[in-house]
N, C-alpha and C. Protein backbone atom coordinates (compact mmCIF):
# COMPACT_ATOMS: atom_id res chain seq x y z
N MET A 1 0.84 -1.17 0.00
CA MET A 1 0.00 0.00 0.00
C MET A 1 0.89 1.24 0.00
N PRO A 2 0.55 2.20 -0.79
CA PRO A 2 1.40 3.39 -0.88
C PRO A 2 1.19 4.32 0.31
N TYR A 3 2.21 5.14 0.55
CA TYR A 3 2.15 6.16 1.60
C TYR A 3 1.32 7.32 1.07
N ARG A 4 0.31 7.74 1.83
CA ARG A 4 -0.52 8.86 1.41
C ARG A 4 -0.07 10.12 2.13
N ALA A 5 0.07 11.19 1.39
CA ALA A 5 0.51 12.46 1.97
C ALA A 5 -0.47 12.97 3.02
N LYS A 6 -1.73 12.57 2.94
CA LYS A 6 -2.72 13.06 3.89
C LYS A 6 -2.69 12.34 5.23
N THR A 7 -1.86 11.35 5.35
CA THR A 7 -1.73 10.64 6.61
C THR A 7 -1.11 11.58 7.63
N SER A 8 -1.66 11.55 8.83
CA SER A 8 -1.13 12.41 9.89
C SER A 8 -1.14 11.65 11.20
N ALA A 9 -0.37 12.15 12.14
CA ALA A 9 -0.34 11.53 13.46
C ALA A 9 -1.73 11.57 14.08
N SER A 10 -2.49 12.65 13.88
CA SER A 10 -3.82 12.73 14.48
C SER A 10 -4.80 11.75 13.85
N ALA A 11 -4.71 11.53 12.54
CA ALA A 11 -5.59 10.56 11.89
C ALA A 11 -5.28 9.14 12.40
N ILE A 12 -4.01 8.86 12.55
CA ILE A 12 -3.60 7.54 13.06
C ILE A 12 -4.08 7.39 14.50
N LEU A 13 -3.89 8.43 15.29
CA LEU A 13 -4.30 8.40 16.69
C LEU A 13 -5.81 8.23 16.83
N ASP A 14 -6.58 8.93 16.02
CA ASP A 14 -8.05 8.80 16.06
C ASP A 14 -8.47 7.37 15.75
N GLU A 15 -7.87 6.79 14.74
CA GLU A 15 -8.21 5.41 14.38
C GLU A 15 -7.79 4.44 15.48
N ALA A 16 -6.61 4.64 16.02
CA ALA A 16 -6.13 3.76 17.10
C ALA A 16 -7.04 3.86 18.32
N ARG A 17 -7.45 5.08 18.69
CA ARG A 17 -8.35 5.26 19.83
C ARG A 17 -9.69 4.57 19.56
N GLY A 18 -10.20 4.72 18.35
CA GLY A 18 -11.45 4.05 17.99
C GLY A 18 -11.34 2.55 18.09
N GLN A 19 -10.24 2.00 17.59
CA GLN A 19 -10.05 0.55 17.67
C GLN A 19 -9.89 0.09 19.11
N LEU A 20 -9.17 0.85 19.91
CA LEU A 20 -8.99 0.48 21.32
C LEU A 20 -10.35 0.46 22.02
N GLU A 21 -11.17 1.48 21.77
CA GLU A 21 -12.47 1.54 22.45
C GLU A 21 -13.42 0.45 21.95
N ARG A 22 -13.27 0.06 20.71
CA ARG A 22 -14.12 -0.99 20.14
C ARG A 22 -13.66 -2.39 20.52
N ASP A 23 -12.34 -2.62 20.44
CA ASP A 23 -11.80 -3.98 20.54
C ASP A 23 -10.94 -4.24 21.78
N GLY A 24 -10.55 -3.19 22.50
CA GLY A 24 -9.70 -3.35 23.67
C GLY A 24 -8.23 -3.21 23.34
N ALA A 25 -7.46 -2.91 24.37
CA ALA A 25 -6.02 -2.66 24.19
C ALA A 25 -5.27 -3.88 23.69
N ASP A 26 -5.68 -5.06 24.10
CA ASP A 26 -4.98 -6.28 23.69
C ASP A 26 -5.05 -6.52 22.18
N ARG A 27 -6.10 -6.03 21.54
CA ARG A 27 -6.27 -6.27 20.11
C ARG A 27 -5.79 -5.11 19.25
N LEU A 28 -5.34 -4.03 19.89
CA LEU A 28 -4.83 -2.89 19.12
C LEU A 28 -3.49 -3.27 18.50
N SER A 29 -3.37 -3.05 17.20
CA SER A 29 -2.10 -3.34 16.52
C SER A 29 -1.84 -2.30 15.45
N VAL A 30 -0.57 -2.07 15.19
CA VAL A 30 -0.18 -1.14 14.13
C VAL A 30 -0.72 -1.63 12.80
N ARG A 31 -0.65 -2.92 12.57
CA ARG A 31 -1.13 -3.48 11.31
C ARG A 31 -2.62 -3.23 11.11
N ALA A 32 -3.43 -3.43 12.15
CA ALA A 32 -4.88 -3.22 12.04
C ALA A 32 -5.21 -1.74 11.82
N VAL A 33 -4.51 -0.86 12.51
CA VAL A 33 -4.74 0.57 12.32
C VAL A 33 -4.38 0.97 10.89
N ALA A 34 -3.23 0.50 10.43
CA ALA A 34 -2.81 0.82 9.07
C ALA A 34 -3.81 0.31 8.04
N ALA A 35 -4.26 -0.92 8.23
CA ALA A 35 -5.21 -1.50 7.27
C ALA A 35 -6.50 -0.68 7.20
N SER A 36 -7.00 -0.26 8.34
CA SER A 36 -8.25 0.49 8.31
C SER A 36 -8.07 1.88 7.71
N LEU A 37 -6.85 2.38 7.70
CA LEU A 37 -6.57 3.67 7.06
C LEU A 37 -6.14 3.50 5.60
N GLY A 38 -6.05 2.25 5.14
CA GLY A 38 -5.63 1.98 3.77
C GLY A 38 -4.15 2.24 3.55
N LEU A 39 -3.36 1.98 4.58
CA LEU A 39 -1.93 2.25 4.52
C LEU A 39 -1.12 0.99 4.77
N ALA A 40 0.12 1.02 4.37
CA ALA A 40 1.05 -0.04 4.74
C ALA A 40 1.46 0.22 6.19
N PRO A 41 1.66 -0.84 6.97
CA PRO A 41 2.08 -0.65 8.37
C PRO A 41 3.30 0.25 8.52
N ASN A 42 4.23 0.17 7.58
CA ASN A 42 5.44 1.00 7.67
C ASN A 42 5.13 2.49 7.67
N ALA A 43 4.00 2.88 7.07
CA ALA A 43 3.64 4.30 7.03
C ALA A 43 3.39 4.84 8.44
N LEU A 44 2.90 4.00 9.32
CA LEU A 44 2.63 4.44 10.69
C LEU A 44 3.90 4.65 11.49
N TYR A 45 4.94 3.90 11.14
CA TYR A 45 6.19 4.02 11.89
C TYR A 45 6.87 5.36 11.67
N ARG A 46 6.41 6.11 10.69
CA ARG A 46 6.93 7.47 10.50
C ARG A 46 6.45 8.38 11.64
N TYR A 47 5.35 7.98 12.28
CA TYR A 47 4.74 8.80 13.32
C TYR A 47 4.88 8.19 14.72
N TYR A 48 4.83 6.89 14.79
CA TYR A 48 4.91 6.18 16.08
C TYR A 48 5.91 5.04 15.93
N ALA A 49 6.89 5.01 16.81
CA ALA A 49 8.01 4.07 16.69
C ALA A 49 7.56 2.61 16.73
N ASP A 50 6.53 2.31 17.52
CA ASP A 50 6.06 0.94 17.66
C ASP A 50 4.68 0.95 18.32
N ARG A 51 4.15 -0.22 18.57
CA ARG A 51 2.82 -0.35 19.18
C ARG A 51 2.78 0.33 20.55
N ASP A 52 3.83 0.18 21.34
CA ASP A 52 3.86 0.79 22.66
C ASP A 52 3.77 2.31 22.58
N ALA A 53 4.47 2.90 21.61
CA ALA A 53 4.41 4.36 21.43
C ALA A 53 3.01 4.79 21.00
N LEU A 54 2.38 4.00 20.14
CA LEU A 54 1.02 4.30 19.71
C LEU A 54 0.05 4.19 20.89
N LEU A 55 0.20 3.14 21.68
CA LEU A 55 -0.66 2.95 22.85
C LEU A 55 -0.44 4.06 23.87
N ALA A 56 0.79 4.49 24.06
CA ALA A 56 1.07 5.61 24.97
C ALA A 56 0.43 6.90 24.46
N ALA A 57 0.44 7.11 23.15
CA ALA A 57 -0.20 8.29 22.57
C ALA A 57 -1.72 8.23 22.75
N VAL A 58 -2.30 7.05 22.60
CA VAL A 58 -3.74 6.89 22.84
C VAL A 58 -4.05 7.18 24.30
N ALA A 59 -3.22 6.68 25.20
CA ALA A 59 -3.42 6.93 26.63
C ALA A 59 -3.33 8.42 26.93
N ASP A 60 -2.40 9.11 26.32
CA ASP A 60 -2.25 10.55 26.53
C ASP A 60 -3.49 11.28 26.01
N GLU A 61 -3.99 10.88 24.86
CA GLU A 61 -5.22 11.48 24.32
C GLU A 61 -6.40 11.18 25.24
N GLY A 62 -6.45 9.97 25.77
CA GLY A 62 -7.51 9.64 26.74
C GLY A 62 -7.43 10.51 27.97
N ALA A 63 -6.21 10.79 28.43
CA ALA A 63 -6.03 11.65 29.59
C ALA A 63 -6.52 13.07 29.28
N ARG A 64 -6.31 13.53 28.05
CA ARG A 64 -6.82 14.85 27.66
C ARG A 64 -8.35 14.87 27.70
N LEU A 65 -8.95 13.81 27.20
CA LEU A 65 -10.42 13.73 27.20
C LEU A 65 -10.97 13.64 28.63
N LEU A 66 -10.30 12.86 29.47
CA LEU A 66 -10.71 12.77 30.87
C LEU A 66 -10.57 14.12 31.55
N LEU A 67 -9.46 14.80 31.33
CA LEU A 67 -9.26 16.11 31.93
C LEU A 67 -10.35 17.09 31.49
N ALA A 68 -10.71 17.08 30.22
CA ALA A 68 -11.77 17.97 29.73
C ALA A 68 -13.08 17.68 30.45
N ALA A 69 -13.40 16.41 30.65
CA ALA A 69 -14.63 16.04 31.36
C ALA A 69 -14.59 16.51 32.81
N LEU A 70 -13.44 16.37 33.45
CA LEU A 70 -13.30 16.79 34.84
C LEU A 70 -13.39 18.31 34.97
N GLU A 71 -12.75 19.01 34.05
CA GLU A 71 -12.82 20.48 34.07
C GLU A 71 -14.24 20.97 33.87
N ASP A 72 -14.97 20.33 32.94
CA ASP A 72 -16.38 20.68 32.72
C ASP A 72 -17.19 20.47 33.98
N ALA A 73 -16.95 19.38 34.67
CA ALA A 73 -17.69 19.07 35.89
C ALA A 73 -17.41 20.08 36.99
N ALA A 74 -16.19 20.56 37.08
CA ALA A 74 -15.81 21.49 38.15
C ALA A 74 -16.22 22.93 37.87
N ARG A 75 -16.45 23.24 36.61
CA ARG A 75 -16.73 24.62 36.22
C ARG A 75 -17.90 25.20 37.04
N GLY A 76 -17.64 26.35 37.64
CA GLY A 76 -18.67 27.04 38.41
C GLY A 76 -18.86 26.50 39.82
N ARG A 77 -18.05 25.55 40.23
CA ARG A 77 -18.14 24.97 41.57
C ARG A 77 -16.82 25.17 42.29
N ASP A 78 -16.88 25.04 43.61
CA ASP A 78 -15.64 25.08 44.37
C ASP A 78 -15.77 24.17 45.59
N GLY A 79 -14.64 23.97 46.26
CA GLY A 79 -14.62 23.16 47.47
C GLY A 79 -15.14 21.75 47.26
N THR A 80 -15.88 21.27 48.26
CA THR A 80 -16.36 19.89 48.21
C THR A 80 -17.39 19.67 47.10
N ASP A 81 -18.14 20.73 46.73
CA ASP A 81 -19.08 20.59 45.62
C ASP A 81 -18.33 20.26 44.33
N ALA A 82 -17.21 20.92 44.12
CA ALA A 82 -16.39 20.64 42.93
C ALA A 82 -15.83 19.22 42.98
N VAL A 83 -15.37 18.80 44.14
CA VAL A 83 -14.81 17.45 44.27
C VAL A 83 -15.89 16.41 43.97
N ARG A 84 -17.08 16.60 44.50
CA ARG A 84 -18.18 15.65 44.23
C ARG A 84 -18.51 15.59 42.74
N ALA A 85 -18.59 16.75 42.10
CA ALA A 85 -18.90 16.78 40.67
C ALA A 85 -17.80 16.11 39.85
N VAL A 86 -16.56 16.37 40.21
CA VAL A 86 -15.42 15.77 39.51
C VAL A 86 -15.41 14.25 39.74
N ALA A 87 -15.71 13.83 40.96
CA ALA A 87 -15.76 12.39 41.25
C ALA A 87 -16.79 11.71 40.37
N GLY A 88 -17.95 12.32 40.24
CA GLY A 88 -18.98 11.76 39.37
C GLY A 88 -18.54 11.69 37.92
N ALA A 89 -17.89 12.75 37.44
CA ALA A 89 -17.41 12.77 36.06
C ALA A 89 -16.32 11.73 35.83
N TYR A 90 -15.45 11.55 36.81
CA TYR A 90 -14.38 10.55 36.71
C TYR A 90 -14.98 9.15 36.57
N LEU A 91 -15.93 8.84 37.44
CA LEU A 91 -16.55 7.51 37.39
C LEU A 91 -17.38 7.34 36.12
N ASP A 92 -18.05 8.39 35.67
CA ASP A 92 -18.81 8.31 34.41
C ASP A 92 -17.87 8.02 33.24
N PHE A 93 -16.72 8.67 33.20
CA PHE A 93 -15.75 8.42 32.14
C PHE A 93 -15.31 6.96 32.18
N ALA A 94 -14.99 6.47 33.37
CA ALA A 94 -14.55 5.08 33.50
C ALA A 94 -15.65 4.11 33.07
N ARG A 95 -16.89 4.44 33.36
CA ARG A 95 -18.03 3.57 32.99
C ARG A 95 -18.33 3.62 31.50
N MET A 96 -18.30 4.81 30.93
CA MET A 96 -18.71 4.98 29.54
C MET A 96 -17.60 4.68 28.54
N ARG A 97 -16.36 4.76 28.98
CA ARG A 97 -15.22 4.54 28.08
C ARG A 97 -14.21 3.63 28.77
N PRO A 98 -14.63 2.41 29.12
CA PRO A 98 -13.78 1.55 29.95
C PRO A 98 -12.42 1.21 29.33
N ALA A 99 -12.38 0.97 28.05
CA ALA A 99 -11.09 0.63 27.43
C ALA A 99 -10.15 1.84 27.41
N LEU A 100 -10.69 3.00 27.12
CA LEU A 100 -9.86 4.20 27.11
C LEU A 100 -9.43 4.55 28.53
N TYR A 101 -10.33 4.43 29.50
CA TYR A 101 -9.97 4.65 30.90
C TYR A 101 -8.85 3.68 31.30
N GLY A 102 -8.99 2.42 30.92
CA GLY A 102 -7.97 1.43 31.23
C GLY A 102 -6.61 1.81 30.65
N ALA A 103 -6.62 2.37 29.44
CA ALA A 103 -5.36 2.80 28.82
C ALA A 103 -4.76 3.99 29.57
N VAL A 104 -5.62 4.90 30.03
CA VAL A 104 -5.14 6.09 30.74
C VAL A 104 -4.42 5.71 32.03
N VAL A 105 -4.91 4.70 32.73
CA VAL A 105 -4.34 4.36 34.04
C VAL A 105 -3.40 3.15 33.99
N ALA A 106 -3.13 2.65 32.81
CA ALA A 106 -2.24 1.48 32.69
C ALA A 106 -0.77 1.91 32.71
N LYS A 107 0.07 0.98 33.05
CA LYS A 107 1.51 1.24 33.15
C LYS A 107 2.09 1.78 31.84
N HIS A 108 1.62 1.26 30.70
CA HIS A 108 2.18 1.70 29.42
C HIS A 108 1.91 3.19 29.16
N ALA A 109 0.94 3.78 29.86
CA ALA A 109 0.65 5.19 29.67
C ALA A 109 1.85 6.04 30.05
N PHE A 110 2.73 5.48 30.86
CA PHE A 110 3.90 6.22 31.31
C PHE A 110 5.19 5.62 30.76
N ALA A 111 5.09 4.78 29.74
CA ALA A 111 6.24 4.05 29.23
C ALA A 111 7.37 4.97 28.77
N GLU A 112 7.02 6.10 28.20
CA GLU A 112 8.05 7.00 27.69
C GLU A 112 8.18 8.24 28.57
N GLY A 113 7.78 8.14 29.80
CA GLY A 113 7.86 9.28 30.70
C GLY A 113 6.48 9.81 31.03
N PHE A 114 6.45 10.89 31.74
CA PHE A 114 5.20 11.49 32.19
C PHE A 114 4.67 12.37 31.07
N HIS A 115 3.64 11.95 30.39
CA HIS A 115 3.10 12.68 29.25
C HIS A 115 2.40 13.96 29.72
N PRO A 116 2.36 14.96 28.88
CA PRO A 116 1.78 16.24 29.27
C PRO A 116 0.34 16.15 29.80
N ALA A 117 -0.50 15.37 29.17
CA ALA A 117 -1.89 15.29 29.64
C ALA A 117 -1.97 14.65 31.02
N HIS A 118 -1.13 13.69 31.29
CA HIS A 118 -1.12 13.09 32.62
C HIS A 118 -0.64 14.10 33.66
N ALA A 119 0.35 14.89 33.29
CA ALA A 119 0.82 15.94 34.20
C ALA A 119 -0.28 16.96 34.43
N ASP A 120 -1.01 17.31 33.39
CA ASP A 120 -2.12 18.27 33.53
C ASP A 120 -3.23 17.69 34.41
N LEU A 121 -3.51 16.40 34.28
CA LEU A 121 -4.51 15.76 35.16
C LEU A 121 -4.08 15.86 36.61
N TRP A 122 -2.81 15.59 36.87
CA TRP A 122 -2.31 15.64 38.24
C TRP A 122 -2.39 17.06 38.79
N THR A 123 -1.98 18.04 38.01
CA THR A 123 -2.06 19.43 38.44
C THR A 123 -3.50 19.82 38.75
N PHE A 124 -4.42 19.41 37.89
CA PHE A 124 -5.83 19.70 38.11
C PHE A 124 -6.30 19.08 39.43
N ALA A 125 -5.95 17.84 39.67
CA ALA A 125 -6.38 17.16 40.90
C ALA A 125 -5.84 17.85 42.15
N VAL A 126 -4.56 18.20 42.12
CA VAL A 126 -3.97 18.87 43.28
C VAL A 126 -4.62 20.24 43.49
N ASP A 127 -4.82 20.99 42.43
CA ASP A 127 -5.47 22.29 42.54
C ASP A 127 -6.89 22.16 43.09
N LEU A 128 -7.60 21.14 42.61
CA LEU A 128 -8.97 20.90 43.08
C LEU A 128 -8.98 20.63 44.58
N LEU A 129 -8.09 19.78 45.03
CA LEU A 129 -8.06 19.41 46.45
C LEU A 129 -7.47 20.51 47.32
N ARG A 130 -6.67 21.37 46.74
CA ARG A 130 -6.13 22.52 47.48
C ARG A 130 -7.29 23.39 47.99
N GLY A 131 -8.38 23.43 47.22
CA GLY A 131 -9.55 24.20 47.62
C GLY A 131 -10.30 23.59 48.80
N VAL A 132 -9.97 22.36 49.15
CA VAL A 132 -10.61 21.68 50.28
C VAL A 132 -9.67 21.59 51.47
N THR A 133 -8.41 21.28 51.21
CA THR A 133 -7.47 21.00 52.30
C THR A 133 -6.49 22.12 52.58
N GLY A 134 -6.32 23.03 51.65
CA GLY A 134 -5.25 24.00 51.75
C GLY A 134 -4.00 23.45 51.09
N GLU A 135 -2.95 24.25 51.08
CA GLU A 135 -1.72 23.90 50.37
C GLU A 135 -0.97 22.71 50.95
N ALA A 136 -0.90 22.63 52.26
CA ALA A 136 0.00 21.68 52.93
C ALA A 136 -0.25 20.22 52.55
N THR A 137 -1.50 19.82 52.39
CA THR A 137 -1.79 18.40 52.13
C THR A 137 -2.56 18.16 50.84
N ALA A 138 -2.54 19.12 49.93
CA ALA A 138 -3.31 18.98 48.69
C ALA A 138 -2.87 17.76 47.86
N ALA A 139 -1.58 17.53 47.74
CA ALA A 139 -1.09 16.40 46.95
C ALA A 139 -1.50 15.07 47.59
N GLU A 140 -1.37 14.98 48.89
CA GLU A 140 -1.77 13.75 49.59
C GLU A 140 -3.28 13.51 49.44
N ALA A 141 -4.06 14.60 49.55
CA ALA A 141 -5.51 14.49 49.39
C ALA A 141 -5.87 14.05 47.97
N ALA A 142 -5.13 14.56 46.98
CA ALA A 142 -5.38 14.16 45.59
C ALA A 142 -5.13 12.67 45.40
N VAL A 143 -4.07 12.15 46.01
CA VAL A 143 -3.80 10.71 45.94
C VAL A 143 -4.93 9.92 46.60
N ALA A 144 -5.40 10.38 47.74
CA ALA A 144 -6.46 9.67 48.46
C ALA A 144 -7.75 9.63 47.65
N VAL A 145 -8.14 10.76 47.08
CA VAL A 145 -9.38 10.80 46.28
C VAL A 145 -9.21 9.97 45.02
N TRP A 146 -8.07 10.10 44.36
CA TRP A 146 -7.82 9.32 43.15
C TRP A 146 -7.86 7.83 43.49
N GLY A 147 -7.23 7.44 44.58
CA GLY A 147 -7.24 6.03 44.97
C GLY A 147 -8.64 5.52 45.20
N LEU A 148 -9.48 6.30 45.88
CA LEU A 148 -10.87 5.91 46.10
C LEU A 148 -11.60 5.74 44.77
N LEU A 149 -11.49 6.73 43.90
CA LEU A 149 -12.22 6.68 42.63
C LEU A 149 -11.72 5.57 41.72
N HIS A 150 -10.40 5.40 41.66
CA HIS A 150 -9.85 4.34 40.82
C HIS A 150 -10.26 2.97 41.36
N GLY A 151 -10.26 2.83 42.68
CA GLY A 151 -10.71 1.57 43.29
C GLY A 151 -12.17 1.28 42.98
N ILE A 152 -13.02 2.29 43.09
CA ILE A 152 -14.44 2.12 42.77
C ILE A 152 -14.60 1.75 41.30
N ALA A 153 -13.88 2.45 40.42
CA ALA A 153 -13.96 2.15 38.99
C ALA A 153 -13.56 0.69 38.72
N GLY A 154 -12.52 0.23 39.37
CA GLY A 154 -12.07 -1.15 39.19
C GLY A 154 -13.08 -2.15 39.72
N LEU A 155 -13.67 -1.88 40.88
CA LEU A 155 -14.69 -2.77 41.43
C LEU A 155 -15.92 -2.83 40.54
N GLU A 156 -16.34 -1.66 40.03
CA GLU A 156 -17.49 -1.64 39.12
C GLU A 156 -17.18 -2.43 37.85
N ARG A 157 -16.01 -2.21 37.31
CA ARG A 157 -15.63 -2.90 36.06
C ARG A 157 -15.62 -4.42 36.25
N ALA A 158 -15.22 -4.84 37.45
CA ALA A 158 -15.18 -6.27 37.74
C ALA A 158 -16.57 -6.83 38.10
N GLY A 159 -17.58 -5.95 38.17
CA GLY A 159 -18.94 -6.40 38.49
C GLY A 159 -19.11 -6.85 39.93
N LEU A 160 -18.39 -6.22 40.84
CA LEU A 160 -18.40 -6.69 42.22
C LEU A 160 -19.41 -5.99 43.12
N PHE A 161 -20.18 -5.06 42.59
CA PHE A 161 -21.23 -4.45 43.40
C PHE A 161 -22.53 -5.22 43.22
N ASP A 162 -23.22 -5.45 44.31
CA ASP A 162 -24.54 -6.07 44.27
C ASP A 162 -25.30 -5.58 45.50
N GLU A 163 -26.42 -6.21 45.82
CA GLU A 163 -27.23 -5.73 46.95
C GLU A 163 -26.48 -5.80 48.28
N ARG A 164 -25.51 -6.69 48.41
CA ARG A 164 -24.73 -6.77 49.64
C ARG A 164 -23.64 -5.71 49.69
N LYS A 165 -23.22 -5.25 48.53
CA LYS A 165 -22.18 -4.22 48.43
C LYS A 165 -22.73 -3.10 47.56
N PRO A 166 -23.57 -2.28 48.13
CA PRO A 166 -24.29 -1.28 47.32
C PRO A 166 -23.39 -0.20 46.73
N GLY A 167 -23.76 0.24 45.54
CA GLY A 167 -23.05 1.32 44.88
C GLY A 167 -23.13 2.62 45.66
N GLY A 168 -24.10 2.75 46.57
CA GLY A 168 -24.19 3.93 47.42
C GLY A 168 -22.99 4.09 48.31
N GLY A 169 -22.21 3.05 48.42
CA GLY A 169 -20.98 3.13 49.20
C GLY A 169 -20.01 4.14 48.60
N VAL A 170 -20.17 4.44 47.32
CA VAL A 170 -19.32 5.44 46.68
C VAL A 170 -19.52 6.79 47.36
N ASP A 171 -20.78 7.21 47.49
CA ASP A 171 -21.08 8.50 48.14
C ASP A 171 -20.63 8.47 49.60
N PHE A 172 -20.89 7.36 50.25
CA PHE A 172 -20.49 7.22 51.66
C PHE A 172 -18.97 7.37 51.81
N GLY A 173 -18.24 6.66 50.98
CA GLY A 173 -16.78 6.71 51.04
C GLY A 173 -16.23 8.10 50.71
N LEU A 174 -16.81 8.73 49.70
CA LEU A 174 -16.36 10.06 49.34
C LEU A 174 -16.65 11.05 50.47
N GLN A 175 -17.84 10.94 51.08
CA GLN A 175 -18.17 11.82 52.19
C GLN A 175 -17.21 11.61 53.37
N ALA A 176 -16.95 10.35 53.69
CA ALA A 176 -16.02 10.06 54.79
C ALA A 176 -14.63 10.64 54.49
N LEU A 177 -14.21 10.48 53.26
CA LEU A 177 -12.90 11.01 52.87
C LEU A 177 -12.90 12.54 52.96
N LEU A 178 -13.92 13.18 52.42
CA LEU A 178 -14.00 14.63 52.47
C LEU A 178 -14.06 15.15 53.90
N ASP A 179 -14.81 14.45 54.76
CA ASP A 179 -14.87 14.85 56.17
C ASP A 179 -13.47 14.81 56.80
N GLY A 180 -12.71 13.79 56.44
CA GLY A 180 -11.36 13.64 56.98
C GLY A 180 -10.36 14.62 56.40
N LEU A 181 -10.68 15.20 55.23
CA LEU A 181 -9.75 16.13 54.59
C LEU A 181 -9.90 17.56 55.08
N ALA A 182 -11.01 17.86 55.72
CA ALA A 182 -11.26 19.24 56.16
C ALA A 182 -10.11 19.70 57.06
N PRO A 183 -9.61 20.92 56.80
CA PRO A 183 -8.47 21.42 57.61
C PRO A 183 -8.87 21.69 59.06
């Protein structure tokens, strides 16, 4: 297949993200992305060194999308109201885009270092929690809230909530955490 001048890193990334969300990270391949774009696999290597680099780029794009959702949720809110809204948006993203969420939080997302979107997510989280805890413990609070939300997302994904382990525990846990974070 010939190299097309209209091929771009963003077109490749869009197709790779679509395939990841449709088929999962395990089935994402440079060959499949190239085929769906009508390209030879070698054409993709001009933009992404290998599958890991492509997957890391998809994870970075997923982090950008997650950050946008979190920023939208926080807009016009502050303090614990903002944290609650962001928590809901985080879990909604994990529920509605499970494969992309999985890529965002997977080890390969950091394979080539700390990508800009991941750094921006972290900065956003610390800034958000600074409004609840103050400067001294904002980073620790961000880790605690992230750990709670990531744990809930993982439990939901595994189908481990039922009538004995109600999903209302999410609100309960977040409230308990927020109560403990108050300065």
